Amino acid sequence: MEKSHRKLYTWQMILNFSEECDEVEGHVLLRDPYVLSVDLSPVTKLYNKAFRDKNLQMNHKNLVTPLGVASRKKYELVKILEWLCLFKIFQEGAIRSFKSPYFANYKTQKNWYLLVSEHEQAKCLAAEIVHGKIKKTQSFKKIIDPKKELLNNYEKCISNGCVEEPLQAIATWMEQVSEYEEYVKIFLDLPIKKLEQQITRTLIRHYKMAIRYKAICGGLIFDWYSANPGESEAFGEPFYHEKKIKDFAHS
């Protein structure tokens, strides 16, 4: 299993790469919140509720889950469910937008990256486009070590754009655990498809404006934050780069 890990990206590699990326200069309008913002509060209410849940304040005692061993606060599992859901929304919504002819005119480098972050606590490679094609990811079962800590395995998944499989696996498992039934029900009722469509439409608007202002872009980063409890919003910002993520293999 360790052999398969050698070619995987790490969370630190993604973080170091993003820190070296440069803003797209001279195109302030591309960062206009009306151009590129999405309301994520329907999803982020999951963790807000779990964090205050008295039944989820204790630590797990080496609980085995599909993503590894859980040994932290019980509400942390709801956070992972929420984050995987958010990353899936960005990933699926973005992939649809890549089919737009506007995207083809906007992308200017052979390696193009869509990154997603939350207060630097999570850094997800939502999509990597190499030579015009979206790079496929390995199955999460090949990425994780089931004997390792859940959060470590989770980081490996999101750092390599592997989101949907672990999301379905953890949601199915949590549905069988009485403490999490309520949260899985909320998750299943979320307007995920609608939010994915909003991401797609928002990105296409961004591509159109970027073309209008002749932006040179090698990637886009979405950064979400919560201004108030129960409210969360994401803003996107274009960047260009001279290095590639794999250049940070020894980070």
Protein backbone atom coordinates (compact mmCIF):
# COMPACT_ATOMS: atom_id res chain seq x y z
CA MET A 1 0.00 0.00 0.00
CA GLU A 2 2.81 2.42 0.76
CA LYS A 3 4.06 2.05 -2.78
CA SER A 4 0.83 3.54 -4.17
CA HIS A 5 1.21 6.53 -1.83
CA ARG A 6 4.50 7.69 -3.35
CA LYS A 7 2.89 9.31 -6.37
CA LEU A 8 0.05 10.88 -4.43
CA TYR A 9 -0.15 14.58 -3.66
CA THR A 10 -0.05 15.58 -0.01
CA TRP A 11 -2.01 18.32 1.74
CA GLN A 12 1.26 20.19 2.32
CA MET A 13 2.14 20.05 -1.38
CA ILE A 14 -1.22 21.61 -2.28
CA LEU A 15 -0.76 24.26 0.41
CA ASN A 16 2.79 25.13 -0.68
CA PHE A 17 1.72 25.29 -4.32
CA SER A 18 -1.17 27.63 -3.58
CA GLU A 19 1.06 29.93 -1.56
CA GLU A 20 3.44 30.34 -4.51
CA CYS A 21 0.69 31.08 -7.01
CA ASP A 22 0.33 34.68 -8.13
CA GLU A 23 -2.79 36.75 -8.48
CA VAL A 24 -4.01 37.64 -11.92
CA GLU A 25 -2.91 41.26 -12.03
CA GLY A 26 -4.95 44.11 -13.44
CA HIS A 27 -8.27 42.29 -13.33
CA VAL A 28 -9.88 43.48 -10.13
CA LEU A 29 -13.36 42.91 -11.53
CA LEU A 30 -12.69 39.17 -11.61
CA ARG A 31 -12.76 39.22 -7.82
CA ASP A 32 -16.09 41.02 -7.68
CA PRO A 33 -18.31 38.94 -5.34
CA TYR A 34 -21.23 39.36 -7.73
CA VAL A 35 -19.21 37.58 -10.39
CA LEU A 36 -17.98 34.65 -8.37
CA SER A 37 -19.71 33.86 -5.07
CA VAL A 38 -21.91 31.03 -3.88
CA ASP A 39 -24.03 30.75 -0.74
CA LEU A 40 -23.02 27.54 1.05
CA SER A 41 -25.11 27.94 4.20
CA PRO A 42 -27.52 25.07 3.31
CA VAL A 43 -24.53 22.73 3.73
CA THR A 44 -22.56 24.37 6.53
CA LYS A 45 -25.49 24.13 8.92
CA LEU A 46 -24.50 20.47 9.35
CA TYR A 47 -21.37 21.15 11.37
CA ASN A 48 -22.84 24.19 13.12
CA LYS A 49 -25.54 21.92 14.52
CA ALA A 50 -23.18 19.04 15.36
CA PHE A 51 -20.71 21.29 17.20
CA ARG A 52 -23.45 22.22 19.69
CA ASP A 53 -24.86 18.69 19.99
CA LYS A 54 -24.34 17.43 23.57
CA ASN A 55 -24.33 13.84 22.33
CA LEU A 56 -21.30 14.46 20.12
CA GLN A 57 -18.90 16.08 22.60
CA MET A 58 -17.07 12.91 23.66
CA ASN A 59 -14.10 11.38 21.88
CA HIS A 60 -14.40 8.23 19.81
CA LYS A 61 -12.33 5.35 21.14
CA ASN A 62 -10.53 4.07 18.06
CA LEU A 63 -13.77 3.58 16.16
CA VAL A 64 -13.26 1.85 12.82
CA THR A 65 -14.90 3.64 9.87
CA PRO A 66 -14.63 3.19 6.07
CA LEU A 67 -12.09 6.04 6.02
CA GLY A 68 -9.94 4.83 8.88
CA VAL A 69 -9.85 4.96 12.67
CA ALA A 70 -11.74 7.78 14.43
CA SER A 71 -10.29 8.86 17.79
CA ARG A 72 -11.27 12.52 18.05
CA LYS A 73 -14.47 14.34 19.00
CA LYS A 74 -17.61 12.72 17.66
CA TYR A 75 -18.69 15.92 15.93
CA GLU A 76 -15.53 15.76 13.79
CA LEU A 77 -17.19 13.06 11.67
CA VAL A 78 -19.98 15.47 10.81
CA LYS A 79 -17.38 18.07 9.82
CA ILE A 80 -15.79 15.56 7.44
CA LEU A 81 -19.19 14.69 5.98
CA GLU A 82 -19.85 18.42 5.45
CA TRP A 83 -16.47 19.18 3.90
CA LEU A 84 -16.60 16.20 1.54
CA CYS A 85 -20.06 17.35 0.49
CA LEU A 86 -18.80 20.88 -0.19
CA PHE A 87 -15.80 19.61 -2.14
CA LYS A 88 -18.08 17.39 -4.23
CA ILE A 89 -20.31 20.37 -5.04
CA PHE A 90 -17.31 22.39 -6.25
CA GLN A 91 -15.86 19.47 -8.14
CA GLU A 92 -19.03 18.44 -9.98
CA GLY A 93 -20.11 22.01 -10.66
CA ALA A 94 -16.69 22.91 -12.01
CA ILE A 95 -16.37 19.84 -14.21
CA ARG A 96 -19.61 20.78 -15.96
CA SER A 97 -18.33 24.31 -16.50
CA PHE A 98 -15.17 22.98 -18.15
CA LYS A 99 -17.32 21.87 -21.07
CA SER A 100 -18.17 25.49 -21.81
CA PRO A 101 -16.41 27.02 -24.83
CA TYR A 102 -15.68 30.02 -22.62
CA PHE A 103 -13.47 27.88 -20.41
CA ALA A 104 -11.37 26.76 -23.38
CA ASN A 105 -10.63 30.43 -24.15
CA TYR A 106 -9.94 31.29 -20.52
CA LYS A 107 -7.49 28.50 -19.65
CA THR A 108 -3.99 29.49 -20.73
CA GLN A 109 -1.66 26.86 -19.29
CA LYS A 110 -1.20 23.14 -19.92
CA ASN A 111 -1.69 22.40 -16.24
CA TRP A 112 -4.81 24.08 -14.84
CA TYR A 113 -5.96 23.63 -11.26
CA LEU A 114 -9.16 24.20 -9.33
CA LEU A 115 -8.42 24.41 -5.61
CA VAL A 116 -10.85 24.74 -2.73
CA SER A 117 -9.97 25.80 0.81
CA GLU A 118 -11.58 26.65 4.12
CA HIS A 119 -9.55 28.98 6.33
CA GLU A 120 -6.42 26.99 5.40
CA GLN A 121 -7.78 24.12 7.48
CA ALA A 122 -8.54 22.12 4.37
CA LYS A 123 -7.04 22.31 0.94
CA CYS A 124 -8.70 20.30 -1.77
CA LEU A 125 -7.57 19.65 -5.30
CA ALA A 126 -11.02 19.70 -6.84
CA ALA A 127 -9.74 19.26 -10.38
CA GLU A 128 -6.49 19.07 -12.30
CA ILE A 129 -6.48 19.50 -16.06
CA VAL A 130 -3.42 18.25 -17.93
CA HIS A 131 -3.17 18.62 -21.71
CA GLY A 132 -6.84 19.49 -21.91
CA LYS A 133 -8.11 16.46 -19.98
CA ILE A 134 -9.26 16.13 -16.38
CA LYS A 135 -6.82 13.94 -14.50
CA LYS A 136 -8.61 10.91 -13.06
CA THR A 137 -8.07 9.91 -9.46
CA GLN A 138 -7.46 6.56 -7.85
CA SER A 139 -10.16 4.83 -5.84
CA PHE A 140 -10.11 5.98 -2.23
CA LYS A 141 -9.50 2.38 -1.15
CA LYS A 142 -6.13 2.58 -2.91
CA ILE A 143 -5.36 5.94 -1.35
CA ILE A 144 -6.11 5.31 2.31
CA ASP A 145 -4.64 3.01 4.93
CA PRO A 146 -7.65 1.69 6.91
CA LYS A 147 -5.47 1.25 10.01
CA LYS A 148 -4.47 4.93 10.07
CA GLU A 149 -6.24 7.90 11.61
CA LEU A 150 -9.35 8.98 9.73
CA LEU A 151 -8.25 12.62 9.37
CA ASN A 152 -4.96 11.58 7.78
CA ASN A 153 -6.77 9.42 5.24
CA TYR A 154 -9.26 12.20 4.60
CA GLU A 155 -6.42 14.61 3.80
CA LYS A 156 -4.97 12.13 1.31
CA CYS A 157 -8.33 11.85 -0.43
CA ILE A 158 -9.02 15.57 -0.79
CA SER A 159 -5.43 16.34 -1.77
CA ASN A 160 -5.85 14.02 -4.74
CA GLY A 161 -9.31 15.09 -5.87
CA CYS A 162 -10.94 11.90 -4.55
CA VAL A 163 -14.19 13.11 -3.02
CA GLU A 164 -17.34 11.34 -4.17
CA GLU A 165 -16.35 7.79 -3.19
CA PRO A 166 -15.33 8.61 0.39
CA LEU A 167 -18.38 10.86 0.77
CA GLN A 168 -20.76 8.04 -0.14
CA ALA A 169 -18.84 5.54 1.99
CA ILE A 170 -18.87 7.67 5.16
CA ALA A 171 -22.48 8.78 4.70
CA THR A 172 -23.68 5.18 4.27
CA TRP A 173 -21.74 4.13 7.35
CA MET A 174 -22.96 7.06 9.49
CA GLU A 175 -26.55 6.27 8.56
CA GLN A 176 -26.20 3.02 10.54
CA VAL A 177 -24.96 4.81 13.68
CA SER A 178 -27.79 6.18 15.83
CA GLU A 179 -25.89 9.33 16.89
CA TYR A 180 -25.50 10.39 13.25
CA GLU A 181 -28.83 9.36 11.72
CA GLU A 182 -30.24 12.89 12.04
CA TYR A 183 -27.22 14.41 10.28
CA VAL A 184 -27.29 11.96 7.40
CA LYS A 185 -30.97 12.76 6.91
CA ILE A 186 -30.10 16.47 6.67
CA PHE A 187 -27.30 15.59 4.25
CA LEU A 188 -29.63 13.55 2.03
CA ASP A 189 -32.12 16.43 1.91
CA LEU A 190 -29.52 19.01 0.85
CA PRO A 191 -30.05 20.71 -2.55
CA ILE A 192 -26.71 19.37 -3.81
CA LYS A 193 -27.62 19.34 -7.51
CA LYS A 194 -28.92 22.89 -7.28
CA LEU A 195 -25.69 24.08 -5.63
CA GLU A 196 -23.61 22.27 -8.27
CA GLN A 197 -25.59 24.10 -10.96
CA GLN A 198 -24.95 27.40 -9.19
CA ILE A 199 -21.20 26.66 -9.22
CA THR A 200 -21.38 25.87 -12.94
CA ARG A 201 -23.29 29.04 -13.81
CA THR A 202 -21.06 31.16 -11.58
CA LEU A 203 -17.89 29.81 -13.16
CA ILE A 204 -19.19 30.38 -16.69
CA ARG A 205 -19.96 34.01 -15.77
CA HIS A 206 -16.41 34.26 -14.48
CA TYR A 207 -14.94 32.82 -17.68
CA LYS A 208 -16.91 35.32 -19.76
CA MET A 209 -15.67 38.26 -17.75
CA ALA A 210 -12.10 36.91 -17.70
CA ILE A 211 -12.12 36.71 -21.51
CA ARG A 212 -13.51 40.23 -21.73
CA TYR A 213 -10.60 41.54 -19.68
CA LYS A 214 -8.07 39.22 -21.36
CA ALA A 215 -7.08 37.47 -18.14
CA ILE A 216 -4.16 35.05 -18.26
CA CYS A 217 -5.05 32.25 -15.89
CA GLY A 218 -3.64 28.90 -14.83
CA GLY A 219 -6.13 28.10 -12.13
CA LEU A 220 -8.83 29.23 -9.76
CA ILE A 221 -9.18 28.95 -6.02
CA PHE A 222 -12.44 28.99 -4.11
CA ASP A 223 -12.12 30.05 -0.48
CA TRP A 224 -15.15 29.70 1.76
CA TYR A 225 -15.69 31.26 5.14
CA SER A 226 -18.40 31.77 7.73
CA ALA A 227 -19.11 35.38 8.63
CA ASN A 228 -21.91 34.43 11.05
CA PRO A 229 -23.08 31.13 12.58
CA GLY A 230 -25.13 29.26 10.01
CA GLU A 231 -23.96 31.45 7.14
CA SER A 232 -21.18 30.59 4.75
CA GLU A 233 -20.09 31.94 1.40
CA ALA A 234 -17.40 31.13 -1.12
CA PHE A 235 -15.40 33.52 -3.26
CA GLY A 236 -13.20 32.57 -6.16
CA GLU A 237 -9.95 34.14 -7.28
CA PRO A 238 -7.91 33.38 -10.41
CA PHE A 239 -4.17 32.75 -10.27
CA TYR A 240 -1.28 31.84 -12.54
CA HIS A 241 1.75 29.74 -11.72
CA GLU A 242 5.17 28.82 -13.02
CA LYS A 243 5.50 25.55 -11.13
CA LYS A 244 3.21 22.54 -10.93
CA ILE A 245 1.95 20.74 -7.86
CA LYS A 246 4.24 17.81 -8.50
CA ASP A 247 7.22 20.19 -8.25
CA PHE A 248 6.58 20.25 -4.49
CA ALA A 249 7.07 16.50 -4.06
CA HIS A 250 9.77 17.05 -1.43
CA SER A 251 7.87 19.68 0.54
